[in-house]
Amino acid sequence: MDPRALRQRLEASAKALGFDAFGVAPVEVDVRADYFKKWIADGMHGDMAWLARNPERRTDARKVMPEARSLVVVGLNYYQPHPPAGYRIAKYALGADYHDVLLARLQQLCEAMKELGGEQKPYVDTGPVLEKPVAAAAGLGWQGKSTILIHRGAGTWLFLGVILTTLELEASATKEPDRCGTCTRCIDACPTAAIIAPYKLDARKCLAYLTIEHKGAIPVEYREALGDRVFGCDDCLDVCPWNKWAVATREAHFAPRPHPPLRETLAWTDEQFLTHFKGTPVERLGLARWHRNALTYWVMSASVPTFRPPRRSSGRPIRWSRNMPLGPSHVCAPAEPTGCLGRLGCPNG
């Protein structure tokens, strides 16, 4: 079967599996390796040490799979137009963990490719593949000024999966041009000015990074901007004008779970946390960092100058300080009956 026929057959298989976008890039795709290495050298990846490991593998798929001939990229729309009311969890984390959902389908697609004589390695956001530039090279969209991939149909709401394959496939005929023009909505919307220049994100300032990947206390200078965000931030995604054409996801696995009352979660144990968030992206955050984020929200809320812990039978309310440590080591003591509030590292009075 020739490369074009192979590509067409795999695209049909991908659509049958429910993927919303499909493309193919050559294995020698340009992922702007020098830019990535400079970004790492400047420390803009923050605590995400794994990004700095083996940069040659991340920027050259042949270092991962020497016999690879093509890169297959798929996308799955996850847009939720009506997220639960109350505090905010990033839309990508409202339902089932996308790693699990996409990987299961990628493996099914790999089986179809195996029948065609190929050997494959699938990745969903965890392997040594720079998905966004690869997806752009495969014709799925372009990287916007926020660095997010923008798809003309799904806007900013597309999960990506990549398959390295030994099959020689026809590459996507067209690569989307950068259609951002003079628009700077994502840059202007960022609460912490983390998009320090068009197409350049300093993760150390990003609320998504600070609430999810960062291990310590949220820096004092960014706490005001946190607002009611307890897991992630969608501001730069929400404002993109290309979302005008976005439609709600058809994927039942991504249906939002209801938010538990935030005040109640402050008294949760590890078991209670897992009962609610197991199988979602929030699960990997862990109870300690969930409590850190929730308490930072409470501390910074002008309407909550004092707070009486749930189930606390005696004692006066804790009086918050906006500069209190609020790192995971200060706020989590799950063995104590009041959960995270048993050891706050701040005075009562």
C-alpha atoms as a PDB file:
ATOM      1  CA  MET A   1       0.000   0.000   0.000  1.00  0.00           C
ATOM      2  CA  ASP A   2       1.445   3.389  -0.976  1.00  0.00           C
ATOM      3  CA  PRO A   3       2.046   6.192   1.606  1.00  0.00           C
ATOM      4  CA  ARG A   4      -1.054   8.138   0.568  1.00  0.00           C
ATOM      5  CA  ALA A   5      -3.371   5.137   0.798  1.00  0.00           C
ATOM      6  CA  LEU A   6      -1.891   4.222   4.177  1.00  0.00           C
ATOM      7  CA  ARG A   7      -2.495   7.706   5.466  1.00  0.00           C
ATOM      8  CA  GLN A   8      -6.095   7.766   4.240  1.00  0.00           C
ATOM      9  CA  ARG A   9      -6.808   4.396   5.807  1.00  0.00           C
ATOM     10  CA  LEU A  10      -5.379   5.467   9.173  1.00  0.00           C
ATOM     11  CA  GLU A  11      -7.269   8.746   9.098  1.00  0.00           C
ATOM     12  CA  ALA A  12     -10.515   6.822   8.623  1.00  0.00           C
ATOM     13  CA  SER A  13      -9.579   4.556  11.537  1.00  0.00           C
ATOM     14  CA  ALA A  14      -8.820   7.560  13.733  1.00  0.00           C
ATOM     15  CA  LYS A  15     -12.180   9.147  12.971  1.00  0.00           C
ATOM     16  CA  ALA A  16     -13.928   5.850  13.703  1.00  0.00           C
ATOM     17  CA  LEU A  17     -12.234   5.866  17.119  1.00  0.00           C
ATOM     18  CA  GLY A  18     -13.703   9.293  17.844  1.00  0.00           C
ATOM     19  CA  PHE A  19     -10.705  11.537  17.260  1.00  0.00           C
ATOM     20  CA  ASP A  20     -11.557  15.039  16.070  1.00  0.00           C
ATOM     21  CA  ALA A  21      -8.292  15.789  14.275  1.00  0.00           C
ATOM     22  CA  PHE A  22      -5.665  13.762  12.432  1.00  0.00           C
ATOM     23  CA  GLY A  23      -2.407  14.591  10.726  1.00  0.00           C
ATOM     24  CA  VAL A  24       0.988  13.206   9.762  1.00  0.00           C
ATOM     25  CA  ALA A  25       4.388  14.858  10.062  1.00  0.00           C
ATOM     26  CA  PRO A  26       7.714  13.615   8.727  1.00  0.00           C
ATOM     27  CA  VAL A  27      10.003  12.150  11.376  1.00  0.00           C
ATOM     28  CA  GLU A  28      12.621  14.846  10.735  1.00  0.00           C
ATOM     29  CA  VAL A  29      10.141  17.585  11.677  1.00  0.00           C
ATOM     30  CA  ASP A  30      11.539  20.919  12.883  1.00  0.00           C
ATOM     31  CA  VAL A  31      10.464  21.424  16.510  1.00  0.00           C
ATOM     32  CA  ARG A  32      12.581  24.570  17.043  1.00  0.00           C
ATOM     33  CA  ALA A  33      15.138  22.676  19.098  1.00  0.00           C
ATOM     34  CA  ASP A  34      17.360  25.700  19.749  1.00  0.00           C
ATOM     35  CA  TYR A  35      14.405  27.676  21.112  1.00  0.00           C
ATOM     36  CA  PHE A  36      13.433  24.832  23.431  1.00  0.00           C
ATOM     37  CA  LYS A  37      16.975  24.384  24.737  1.00  0.00           C
ATOM     38  CA  LYS A  38      17.309  28.126  25.377  1.00  0.00           C
ATOM     39  CA  TRP A  39      13.968  28.110  27.242  1.00  0.00           C
ATOM     40  CA  ILE A  40      15.291  25.322  29.460  1.00  0.00           C
ATOM     41  CA  ALA A  41      18.655  27.055  29.944  1.00  0.00           C
ATOM     42  CA  ASP A  42      16.820  30.190  31.093  1.00  0.00           C
ATOM     43  CA  GLY A  43      15.070  28.149  33.785  1.00  0.00           C
ATOM     44  CA  MET A  44      11.580  28.907  32.501  1.00  0.00           C
ATOM     45  CA  HIS A  45      10.483  25.310  33.093  1.00  0.00           C
ATOM     46  CA  GLY A  46      10.614  25.877  36.867  1.00  0.00           C
ATOM     47  CA  ASP A  47      10.414  22.677  38.923  1.00  0.00           C
ATOM     48  CA  MET A  48       9.613  20.496  35.898  1.00  0.00           C
ATOM     49  CA  ALA A  49      13.037  18.859  35.894  1.00  0.00           C
ATOM     50  CA  TRP A  50      11.974  16.080  33.522  1.00  0.00           C
ATOM     51  CA  LEU A  51      11.735  18.610  30.696  1.00  0.00           C
ATOM     52  CA  ALA A  52      15.451  19.289  31.007  1.00  0.00           C
ATOM     53  CA  ARG A  53      16.419  15.619  30.813  1.00  0.00           C
ATOM     54  CA  ASN A  54      17.607  14.282  27.450  1.00  0.00           C
ATOM     55  CA  PRO A  55      16.793  17.365  25.336  1.00  0.00           C
ATOM     56  CA  GLU A  56      18.160  15.619  22.247  1.00  0.00           C
ATOM     57  CA  ARG A  57      15.475  12.933  22.582  1.00  0.00           C
ATOM     58  CA  ARG A  58      12.749  15.551  22.967  1.00  0.00           C
ATOM     59  CA  THR A  59      13.792  17.407  19.859  1.00  0.00           C
ATOM     60  CA  ASP A  60      14.517  14.449  17.561  1.00  0.00           C
ATOM     61  CA  ALA A  61      12.088  11.519  17.400  1.00  0.00           C
ATOM     62  CA  ARG A  62      14.764   9.366  15.793  1.00  0.00           C
ATOM     63  CA  LYS A  63      16.647   9.417  19.096  1.00  0.00           C
ATOM     64  CA  VAL A  64      13.567   7.793  20.660  1.00  0.00           C
ATOM     65  CA  MET A  65      12.823   5.357  17.843  1.00  0.00           C
ATOM     66  CA  PRO A  66      15.633   5.206  15.264  1.00  0.00           C
ATOM     67  CA  GLU A  67      13.563   3.172  12.810  1.00  0.00           C
ATOM     68  CA  ALA A  68      10.617   5.632  12.856  1.00  0.00           C
ATOM     69  CA  ARG A  69       9.559   7.032   9.473  1.00  0.00           C
ATOM     70  CA  SER A  70       6.486   9.109  10.343  1.00  0.00           C
ATOM     71  CA  LEU A  71       4.743  10.878  13.223  1.00  0.00           C
ATOM     72  CA  VAL A  72       0.973  10.451  13.482  1.00  0.00           C
ATOM     73  CA  VAL A  73      -0.824  13.137  15.495  1.00  0.00           C
ATOM     74  CA  VAL A  74      -4.427  13.001  16.684  1.00  0.00           C
ATOM     75  CA  GLY A  75      -6.568  15.482  18.575  1.00  0.00           C
ATOM     76  CA  LEU A  76      -9.608  15.102  20.810  1.00  0.00           C
ATOM     77  CA  ASN A  77     -11.861  18.050  21.604  1.00  0.00           C
ATOM     78  CA  TYR A  78     -12.468  18.569  25.331  1.00  0.00           C
ATOM     79  CA  TYR A  79     -14.359  21.863  25.372  1.00  0.00           C
ATOM     80  CA  GLN A  80     -16.878  22.251  28.194  1.00  0.00           C
ATOM     81  CA  PRO A  81     -19.043  25.363  27.672  1.00  0.00           C
ATOM     82  CA  HIS A  82     -20.759  25.034  31.064  1.00  0.00           C
ATOM     83  CA  PRO A  83     -18.263  24.114  33.800  1.00  0.00           C
ATOM     84  CA  PRO A  84     -19.542  23.693  37.371  1.00  0.00           C
ATOM     85  CA  ALA A  85     -20.223  26.899  39.259  1.00  0.00           C
ATOM     86  CA  GLY A  86     -18.071  28.011  42.160  1.00  0.00           C
ATOM     87  CA  TYR A  87     -14.305  27.813  42.402  1.00  0.00           C
ATOM     88  CA  ARG A  88     -12.440  26.967  39.232  1.00  0.00           C
ATOM     89  CA  ILE A  89     -10.773  23.795  38.034  1.00  0.00           C
ATOM     90  CA  ALA A  90      -9.226  23.918  34.556  1.00  0.00           C
ATOM     91  CA  LYS A  91     -11.549  22.504  31.917  1.00  0.00           C
ATOM     92  CA  TYR A  92      -9.139  19.758  30.965  1.00  0.00           C
ATOM     93  CA  ALA A  93      -9.421  18.314  34.486  1.00  0.00           C
ATOM     94  CA  LEU A  94     -13.202  18.405  34.973  1.00  0.00           C
ATOM     95  CA  GLY A  95     -13.734  14.799  33.921  1.00  0.00           C
ATOM     96  CA  ALA A  96     -11.703  11.643  33.362  1.00  0.00           C
ATOM     97  CA  ASP A  97      -7.942  11.836  32.976  1.00  0.00           C
ATOM     98  CA  TYR A  98      -7.198  12.522  29.321  1.00  0.00           C
ATOM     99  CA  HIS A  99      -3.972  10.501  29.517  1.00  0.00           C
ATOM    100  CA  ASP A 100      -6.005   7.351  30.117  1.00  0.00           C
ATOM    101  CA  VAL A 101      -8.730   8.139  27.573  1.00  0.00           C
ATOM    102  CA  LEU A 102      -6.372   9.087  24.747  1.00  0.00           C
ATOM    103  CA  LEU A 103      -3.811   6.389  25.384  1.00  0.00           C
ATOM    104  CA  ALA A 104      -6.442   3.645  25.237  1.00  0.00           C
ATOM    105  CA  ARG A 105      -7.556   4.893  21.823  1.00  0.00           C
ATOM    106  CA  LEU A 106      -4.020   5.445  20.602  1.00  0.00           C
ATOM    107  CA  GLN A 107      -3.289   1.831  21.435  1.00  0.00           C
ATOM    108  CA  GLN A 108      -6.306   0.783  19.368  1.00  0.00           C
ATOM    109  CA  LEU A 109      -4.992   2.855  16.479  1.00  0.00           C
ATOM    110  CA  CYS A 110      -1.578   1.259  16.962  1.00  0.00           C
ATOM    111  CA  GLU A 111      -3.196  -2.162  16.570  1.00  0.00           C
ATOM    112  CA  ALA A 112      -4.621  -1.091  13.227  1.00  0.00           C
ATOM    113  CA  MET A 113      -1.177   0.171  12.204  1.00  0.00           C
ATOM    114  CA  LYS A 114       0.420  -3.098  13.301  1.00  0.00           C
ATOM    115  CA  GLU A 115      -1.867  -4.965  10.909  1.00  0.00           C
ATOM    116  CA  LEU A 116      -0.413  -2.777   8.162  1.00  0.00           C
ATOM    117  CA  GLY A 117       3.101  -3.871   9.066  1.00  0.00           C
ATOM    118  CA  GLY A 118       4.184  -1.054  11.331  1.00  0.00           C
ATOM    119  CA  GLU A 119       5.831  -0.864  14.730  1.00  0.00           C
ATOM    120  CA  GLN A 120       4.616   1.975  16.935  1.00  0.00           C
ATOM    121  CA  LYS A 121       5.263   3.970  20.110  1.00  0.00           C
ATOM    122  CA  PRO A 122       2.307   6.061  21.360  1.00  0.00           C
ATOM    123  CA  TYR A 123       2.602   9.059  23.680  1.00  0.00           C
ATOM    124  CA  VAL A 124       0.124  11.302  25.468  1.00  0.00           C
ATOM    125  CA  ASP A 125       1.838  14.260  27.112  1.00  0.00           C
ATOM    126  CA  THR A 126       4.255  12.118  29.122  1.00  0.00           C
ATOM    127  CA  GLY A 127       6.850  10.895  26.628  1.00  0.00           C
ATOM    128  CA  PRO A 128       9.872  12.611  25.080  1.00  0.00           C
ATOM    129  CA  VAL A 129       7.858  14.295  22.327  1.00  0.00           C
ATOM    130  CA  LEU A 130       7.159  18.016  21.901  1.00  0.00           C
ATOM    131  CA  GLU A 131       3.530  17.541  20.899  1.00  0.00           C
ATOM    132  CA  LYS A 132       2.562  21.088  19.964  1.00  0.00           C
ATOM    133  CA  PRO A 133       5.208  21.818  17.303  1.00  0.00           C
ATOM    134  CA  VAL A 134       4.768  18.287  15.964  1.00  0.00           C
ATOM    135  CA  ALA A 135       0.992  18.815  15.775  1.00  0.00           C
ATOM    136  CA  ALA A 136       1.533  22.111  13.970  1.00  0.00           C
ATOM    137  CA  ALA A 137       3.823  20.385  11.472  1.00  0.00           C
ATOM    138  CA  ALA A 138       1.134  17.735  10.961  1.00  0.00           C
ATOM    139  CA  GLY A 139      -1.388  20.398   9.967  1.00  0.00           C
ATOM    140  CA  LEU A 140      -3.582  20.326  13.082  1.00  0.00           C
ATOM    141  CA  GLY A 141      -3.166  24.035  13.738  1.00  0.00           C
ATOM    142  CA  TRP A 142      -0.581  26.567  14.818  1.00  0.00           C
ATOM    143  CA  GLN A 143       0.994  27.550  18.105  1.00  0.00           C
ATOM    144  CA  GLY A 144      -0.550  30.770  19.302  1.00  0.00           C
ATOM    145  CA  LYS A 145       1.128  33.562  21.219  1.00  0.00           C
ATOM    146  CA  SER A 146       0.181  31.739  24.425  1.00  0.00           C
ATOM    147  CA  THR A 147       2.154  28.726  23.025  1.00  0.00           C
ATOM    148  CA  ILE A 148      -1.108  26.699  22.980  1.00  0.00           C
ATOM    149  CA  LEU A 149      -1.970  24.871  19.773  1.00  0.00           C
ATOM    150  CA  ILE A 150      -4.939  26.523  18.053  1.00  0.00           C
ATOM    151  CA  HIS A 151      -7.168  24.393  15.829  1.00  0.00           C
ATOM    152  CA  ARG A 152      -9.513  26.171  13.436  1.00  0.00           C
ATOM    153  CA  GLY A 153     -12.457  24.014  14.496  1.00  0.00           C
ATOM    154  CA  ALA A 154     -11.766  23.299  18.165  1.00  0.00           C
ATOM    155  CA  GLY A 155      -9.944  26.505  19.039  1.00  0.00           C
ATOM    156  CA  THR A 156      -7.674  26.036  22.048  1.00  0.00           C
ATOM    157  CA  TRP A 157      -9.512  22.960  23.372  1.00  0.00           C
ATOM    158  CA  LEU A 158      -7.696  20.000  21.857  1.00  0.00           C
ATOM    159  CA  PHE A 159      -5.916  17.137  23.603  1.00  0.00           C
ATOM    160  CA  LEU A 160      -3.020  15.768  21.570  1.00  0.00           C
ATOM    161  CA  GLY A 161      -1.619  12.283  21.105  1.00  0.00           C
ATOM    162  CA  VAL A 162       1.418  11.286  19.036  1.00  0.00           C
ATOM    163  CA  ILE A 163       2.430   7.937  17.552  1.00  0.00           C
ATOM    164  CA  LEU A 164       5.934   7.239  16.297  1.00  0.00           C
ATOM    165  CA  THR A 165       5.704   4.627  13.548  1.00  0.00           C
ATOM    166  CA  THR A 166       7.917   2.717  11.152  1.00  0.00           C
ATOM    167  CA  LEU A 167       5.258   3.105   8.457  1.00  0.00           C
ATOM    168  CA  GLU A 168       6.093   5.561   5.715  1.00  0.00           C
ATOM    169  CA  LEU A 169       3.015   7.757   5.473  1.00  0.00           C
ATOM    170  CA  GLU A 170       2.229  10.710   3.282  1.00  0.00           C
ATOM    171  CA  ALA A 171       2.691  13.872   5.338  1.00  0.00           C
ATOM    172  CA  SER A 172      -0.191  16.313   5.697  1.00  0.00           C
ATOM    173  CA  ALA A 173      -0.408  18.387   2.547  1.00  0.00           C
ATOM    174  CA  THR A 174      -0.750  21.758   4.204  1.00  0.00           C
ATOM    175  CA  LYS A 175       0.611  23.354   7.346  1.00  0.00           C
ATOM    176  CA  GLU A 176      -1.600  25.955   8.971  1.00  0.00           C
ATOM    177  CA  PRO A 177      -0.117  29.456   8.862  1.00  0.00           C
ATOM    178  CA  ASP A 178       0.009  31.523  12.031  1.00  0.00           C
ATOM    179  CA  ARG A 179      -3.410  33.173  12.126  1.00  0.00           C
ATOM    180  CA  CYS A 180      -2.955  35.181  15.345  1.00  0.00           C
ATOM    181  CA  GLY A 181      -2.167  38.379  13.464  1.00  0.00           C
ATOM    182  CA  THR A 182      -2.017  41.419  15.740  1.00  0.00           C
ATOM    183  CA  CYS A 183      -4.227  39.825  18.415  1.00  0.00           C
ATOM    184  CA  THR A 184      -2.794  39.883  21.950  1.00  0.00           C
ATOM    185  CA  ARG A 185      -5.847  38.764  23.935  1.00  0.00           C
ATOM    186  CA  CYS A 186      -4.066  35.819  25.553  1.00  0.00           C
ATOM    187  CA  ILE A 187      -1.118  37.977  26.589  1.00  0.00           C
ATOM    188  CA  ASP A 188      -3.390  40.677  27.987  1.00  0.00           C
ATOM    189  CA  ALA A 189      -5.582  38.173  29.846  1.00  0.00           C
ATOM    190  CA  CYS A 190      -2.816  36.362  31.728  1.00  0.00           C
ATOM    191  CA  PRO A 191      -3.312  37.195  35.439  1.00  0.00           C
ATOM    192  CA  THR A 192       0.410  36.998  36.240  1.00  0.00           C
ATOM    193  CA  ALA A 193       1.961  38.228  32.969  1.00  0.00           C
ATOM    194  CA  ALA A 194       3.438  34.752  32.460  1.00  0.00           C
ATOM    195  CA  ILE A 195       3.387  35.184  28.666  1.00  0.00           C
ATOM    196  CA  ILE A 196       6.436  37.417  28.789  1.00  0.00           C
ATOM    197  CA  ALA A 197       6.523  37.911  25.013  1.00  0.00           C
ATOM    198  CA  PRO A 198       4.530  36.555  22.081  1.00  0.00           C
ATOM    199  CA  TYR A 199       5.108  32.782  21.902  1.00  0.00           C
ATOM    200  CA  LYS A 200       7.170  32.777  25.116  1.00  0.00           C
ATOM    201  CA  LEU A 201       5.789  31.475  28.424  1.00  0.00           C
ATOM    202  CA  ASP A 202       7.614  31.668  31.753  1.00  0.00           C
ATOM    203  CA  ALA A 203       6.124  28.684  33.584  1.00  0.00           C
ATOM    204  CA  ARG A 204       7.375  30.000  36.924  1.00  0.00           C
ATOM    205  CA  LYS A 205       4.757  32.757  36.724  1.00  0.00           C
ATOM    206  CA  CYS A 206       1.928  30.660  35.276  1.00  0.00           C
ATOM    207  CA  LEU A 207      -0.974  29.839  37.608  1.00  0.00           C
ATOM    208  CA  ALA A 208      -1.439  26.458  35.945  1.00  0.00           C
ATOM    209  CA  TYR A 209       2.148  25.593  36.813  1.00  0.00           C
ATOM    210  CA  LEU A 210       1.981  27.119  40.303  1.00  0.00           C
ATOM    211  CA  THR A 211      -1.198  25.263  41.278  1.00  0.00           C
ATOM    212  CA  ILE A 212      -0.276  21.905  39.722  1.00  0.00           C
ATOM    213  CA  GLU A 213       3.430  21.319  39.098  1.00  0.00           C
ATOM    214  CA  HIS A 214       5.015  23.564  41.732  1.00  0.00           C
ATOM    215  CA  LYS A 215       5.811  21.713  44.947  1.00  0.00           C
ATOM    216  CA  GLY A 216       6.233  24.588  47.405  1.00  0.00           C
ATOM    217  CA  ALA A 217       4.103  27.470  48.602  1.00  0.00           C
ATOM    218  CA  ILE A 218       2.527  29.699  45.967  1.00  0.00           C
ATOM    219  CA  PRO A 219       4.715  32.825  45.947  1.00  0.00           C
ATOM    220  CA  VAL A 220       3.160  35.759  47.768  1.00  0.00           C
ATOM    221  CA  GLU A 221       3.359  38.005  44.698  1.00  0.00           C
ATOM    222  CA  TYR A 222       1.031  35.683  42.739  1.00  0.00           C
ATOM    223  CA  ARG A 223      -1.551  34.882  45.411  1.00  0.00           C
ATOM    224  CA  GLU A 224      -3.820  37.827  44.653  1.00  0.00           C
ATOM    225  CA  ALA A 225      -3.962  36.783  41.005  1.00  0.00           C
ATOM    226  CA  LEU A 226      -4.912  33.235  41.975  1.00  0.00           C
ATOM    227  CA  GLY A 227      -8.469  34.280  42.755  1.00  0.00           C
ATOM    228  CA  ASP A 228     -10.805  31.290  42.869  1.00  0.00           C
ATOM    229  CA  ARG A 229      -8.573  29.009  40.789  1.00  0.00           C
ATOM    230  CA  VAL A 230      -7.883  25.835  42.756  1.00  0.00           C
ATOM    231  CA  PHE A 231      -6.453  23.713  39.928  1.00  0.00           C
ATOM    232  CA  GLY A 232      -5.012  25.253  36.795  1.00  0.00           C
ATOM    233  CA  CYS A 233      -5.985  28.337  34.830  1.00  0.00           C
ATOM    234  CA  ASP A 234      -7.797  28.711  31.495  1.00  0.00           C
ATOM    235  CA  ASP A 235      -7.644  32.478  31.062  1.00  0.00           C
ATOM    236  CA  CYS A 236      -5.345  32.548  28.025  1.00  0.00           C
ATOM    237  CA  LEU A 237      -7.383  29.764  26.420  1.00  0.00           C
ATOM    238  CA  ASP A 238     -10.798  31.254  27.181  1.00  0.00           C
ATOM    239  CA  VAL A 239     -10.143  34.582  25.455  1.00  0.00           C
ATOM    240  CA  CYS A 240      -8.848  33.216  22.150  1.00  0.00           C
ATOM    241  CA  PRO A 241     -11.148  34.460  19.350  1.00  0.00           C
ATOM    242  CA  TRP A 242     -10.742  31.156  17.510  1.00  0.00           C
ATOM    243  CA  ASN A 243     -12.928  29.582  20.195  1.00  0.00           C
ATOM    244  CA  LYS A 244     -15.852  31.232  18.424  1.00  0.00           C
ATOM    245  CA  TRP A 245     -16.265  27.994  16.478  1.00  0.00           C
ATOM    246  CA  ALA A 246     -15.598  25.607  19.358  1.00  0.00           C
ATOM    247  CA  VAL A 247     -18.349  23.118  20.157  1.00  0.00           C
ATOM    248  CA  ALA A 248     -18.899  21.029  23.269  1.00  0.00           C
ATOM    249  CA  THR A 249     -16.989  17.772  23.386  1.00  0.00           C
ATOM    250  CA  ARG A 250     -18.842  14.616  22.389  1.00  0.00           C
ATOM    251  CA  GLU A 251     -16.663  12.579  24.716  1.00  0.00           C
ATOM    252  CA  ALA A 252     -18.698  11.285  27.657  1.00  0.00           C
ATOM    253  CA  HIS A 253     -15.541  10.567  29.678  1.00  0.00           C
ATOM    254  CA  PHE A 254     -14.869  14.305  29.866  1.00  0.00           C
ATOM    255  CA  ALA A 255     -18.253  15.186  31.393  1.00  0.00           C
ATOM    256  CA  PRO A 256     -17.621  17.391  34.451  1.00  0.00           C
ATOM    257  CA  ARG A 257     -17.865  15.920  37.896  1.00  0.00           C
ATOM    258  CA  PRO A 258     -19.604  18.203  40.411  1.00  0.00           C
ATOM    259  CA  HIS A 259     -17.309  20.321  42.562  1.00  0.00           C
ATOM    260  CA  PRO A 260     -17.338  19.315  46.228  1.00  0.00           C
ATOM    261  CA  PRO A 261     -17.855  22.266  48.616  1.00  0.00           C
ATOM    262  CA  LEU A 262     -14.396  23.765  49.011  1.00  0.00           C
ATOM    263  CA  ARG A 263     -14.746  24.353  52.737  1.00  0.00           C
ATOM    264  CA  GLU A 264     -15.514  20.672  53.278  1.00  0.00           C
ATOM    265  CA  THR A 265     -12.424  19.595  51.344  1.00  0.00           C
ATOM    266  CA  LEU A 266     -10.246  21.393  53.879  1.00  0.00           C
ATOM    267  CA  ALA A 267     -11.112  18.650  56.365  1.00  0.00           C
ATOM    268  CA  TRP A 268     -10.641  15.775  53.933  1.00  0.00           C
ATOM    269  CA  THR A 269      -8.322  12.848  54.491  1.00  0.00           C
ATOM    270  CA  ASP A 270      -6.315  11.248  51.692  1.00  0.00           C
ATOM    271  CA  GLU A 271      -9.010   8.608  51.303  1.00  0.00           C
ATOM    272  CA  GLN A 272     -11.754  11.211  50.876  1.00  0.00           C
ATOM    273  CA  PHE A 273      -9.665  13.099  48.329  1.00  0.00           C
ATOM    274  CA  LEU A 274      -9.128   9.943  46.273  1.00  0.00           C
ATOM    275  CA  THR A 275     -12.778   8.935  46.536  1.00  0.00           C
ATOM    276  CA  HIS A 276     -13.801  12.105  44.720  1.00  0.00           C
ATOM    277  CA  PHE A 277     -10.889  12.744  42.342  1.00  0.00           C
ATOM    278  CA  LYS A 278      -9.665   9.247  41.467  1.00  0.00           C
ATOM    279  CA  GLY A 279      -9.363   8.844  37.714  1.00  0.00           C
ATOM    280  CA  THR A 280      -9.196  12.606  37.055  1.00  0.00           C
ATOM    281  CA  PRO A 281      -6.135  14.797  36.452  1.00  0.00           C
ATOM    282  CA  VAL A 282      -6.660  16.300  39.910  1.00  0.00           C
ATOM    283  CA  GLU A 283      -5.737  12.954  41.503  1.00  0.00           C
ATOM    284  CA  ARG A 284      -2.026  13.398  40.766  1.00  0.00           C
ATOM    285  CA  LEU A 285      -2.039  16.731  42.611  1.00  0.00           C
ATOM    286  CA  GLY A 286      -2.458  14.981  45.942  1.00  0.00           C
ATOM    287  CA  LEU A 287      -4.194  16.174  49.079  1.00  0.00           C
ATOM    288  CA  ALA A 288      -1.340  18.363  50.346  1.00  0.00           C
ATOM    289  CA  ARG A 289      -1.210  20.589  47.265  1.00  0.00           C
ATOM    290  CA  TRP A 290      -5.004  20.638  46.983  1.00  0.00           C
ATOM    291  CA  HIS A 291      -5.116  21.988  50.531  1.00  0.00           C
ATOM    292  CA  ARG A 292      -2.362  24.478  49.705  1.00  0.00           C
ATOM    293  CA  ASN A 293      -4.359  25.837  46.779  1.00  0.00           C
ATOM    294  CA  ALA A 294      -7.676  25.874  48.635  1.00  0.00           C
ATOM    295  CA  LEU A 295      -6.208  27.590  51.678  1.00  0.00           C
ATOM    296  CA  THR A 296      -4.447  30.169  49.529  1.00  0.00           C
ATOM    297  CA  TYR A 297      -7.821  31.002  48.007  1.00  0.00           C
ATOM    298  CA  TRP A 298      -9.405  31.320  51.455  1.00  0.00           C
ATOM    299  CA  VAL A 299      -6.554  33.435  52.793  1.00  0.00           C
ATOM    300  CA  MET A 300      -6.631  35.844  49.874  1.00  0.00           C
ATOM    301  CA  SER A 301     -10.418  36.230  49.876  1.00  0.00           C
ATOM    302  CA  ALA A 302     -11.299  39.572  51.417  1.00  0.00           C
ATOM    303  CA  SER A 303     -14.640  38.119  52.462  1.00  0.00           C
ATOM    304  CA  VAL A 304     -12.981  35.496  54.662  1.00  0.00           C
ATOM    305  CA  PRO A 305     -10.741  37.328  57.146  1.00  0.00           C
ATOM    306  CA  THR A 306     -11.156  34.500  59.641  1.00  0.00           C
ATOM    307  CA  PHE A 307     -12.211  30.924  59.185  1.00  0.00           C
ATOM    308  CA  ARG A 308     -13.459  28.292  61.602  1.00  0.00           C
ATOM    309  CA  PRO A 309     -12.234  24.862  60.488  1.00  0.00           C
ATOM    310  CA  PRO A 310     -14.808  22.187  59.629  1.00  0.00           C
ATOM    311  CA  ARG A 311     -15.717  19.874  62.510  1.00  0.00           C
ATOM    312  CA  ARG A 312     -13.604  21.901  64.887  1.00  0.00           C
ATOM    313  CA  SER A 313     -15.328  21.555  68.264  1.00  0.00           C
ATOM    314  CA  SER A 314     -13.483  24.221  70.217  1.00  0.00           C
ATOM    315  CA  GLY A 315     -11.077  27.093  69.903  1.00  0.00           C
ATOM    316  CA  ARG A 316     -11.300  30.454  68.237  1.00  0.00           C
ATOM    317  CA  PRO A 317     -11.150  30.908  64.467  1.00  0.00           C
ATOM    318  CA  ILE A 318      -7.749  30.929  62.825  1.00  0.00           C
ATOM    319  CA  ARG A 319      -6.765  34.444  61.800  1.00  0.00           C
ATOM    320  CA  TRP A 320      -5.138  34.370  58.421  1.00  0.00           C
ATOM    321  CA  SER A 321      -2.083  36.261  57.255  1.00  0.00           C
ATOM    322  CA  ARG A 322      -1.689  36.830  53.530  1.00  0.00           C
ATOM    323  CA  ASN A 323       2.037  36.208  53.866  1.00  0.00           C
ATOM    324  CA  MET A 324       1.737  32.969  55.860  1.00  0.00           C
ATOM    325  CA  PRO A 325       3.828  30.069  54.452  1.00  0.00           C
ATOM    326  CA  LEU A 326       0.985  27.956  53.005  1.00  0.00           C
ATOM    327  CA  GLY A 327       3.246  25.326  51.510  1.00  0.00           C
ATOM    328  CA  PRO A 328       2.168  21.665  51.498  1.00  0.00           C
ATOM    329  CA  SER A 329       4.372  20.943  54.517  1.00  0.00           C
ATOM    330  CA  HIS A 330       2.556  23.646  56.484  1.00  0.00           C
ATOM    331  CA  VAL A 331      -0.997  22.745  55.607  1.00  0.00           C
ATOM    332  CA  CYS A 332      -1.271  18.978  55.476  1.00  0.00           C
ATOM    333  CA  ALA A 333      -1.566  16.654  58.434  1.00  0.00           C
ATOM    334  CA  PRO A 334      -4.079  14.090  57.146  1.00  0.00           C
ATOM    335  CA  ALA A 335      -3.792  11.859  60.204  1.00  0.00           C
ATOM    336  CA  GLU A 336      -5.272  14.562  62.396  1.00  0.00           C
ATOM    337  CA  PRO A 337      -9.057  14.797  62.718  1.00  0.00           C
ATOM    338  CA  THR A 338      -9.215  18.273  61.217  1.00  0.00           C
ATOM    339  CA  GLY A 339      -7.195  17.268  58.160  1.00  0.00           C
ATOM    340  CA  CYS A 340      -4.993  20.023  56.789  1.00  0.00           C
ATOM    341  CA  LEU A 341      -6.024  22.458  59.504  1.00  0.00           C
ATOM    342  CA  GLY A 342      -4.337  20.551  62.301  1.00  0.00           C
ATOM    343  CA  ARG A 343      -0.897  22.037  61.587  1.00  0.00           C
ATOM    344  CA  LEU A 344      -1.039  25.392  59.860  1.00  0.00           C
ATOM    345  CA  GLY A 345       2.132  27.007  61.080  1.00  0.00           C
ATOM    346  CA  CYS A 346       0.254  30.162  62.021  1.00  0.00           C
ATOM    347  CA  PRO A 347      -0.961  31.466  65.383  1.00  0.00           C
ATOM    348  CA  ASN A 348      -4.494  31.304  66.682  1.00  0.00           C
ATOM    349  CA  GLY A 349      -5.802  34.402  68.341  1.00  0.00           C
END
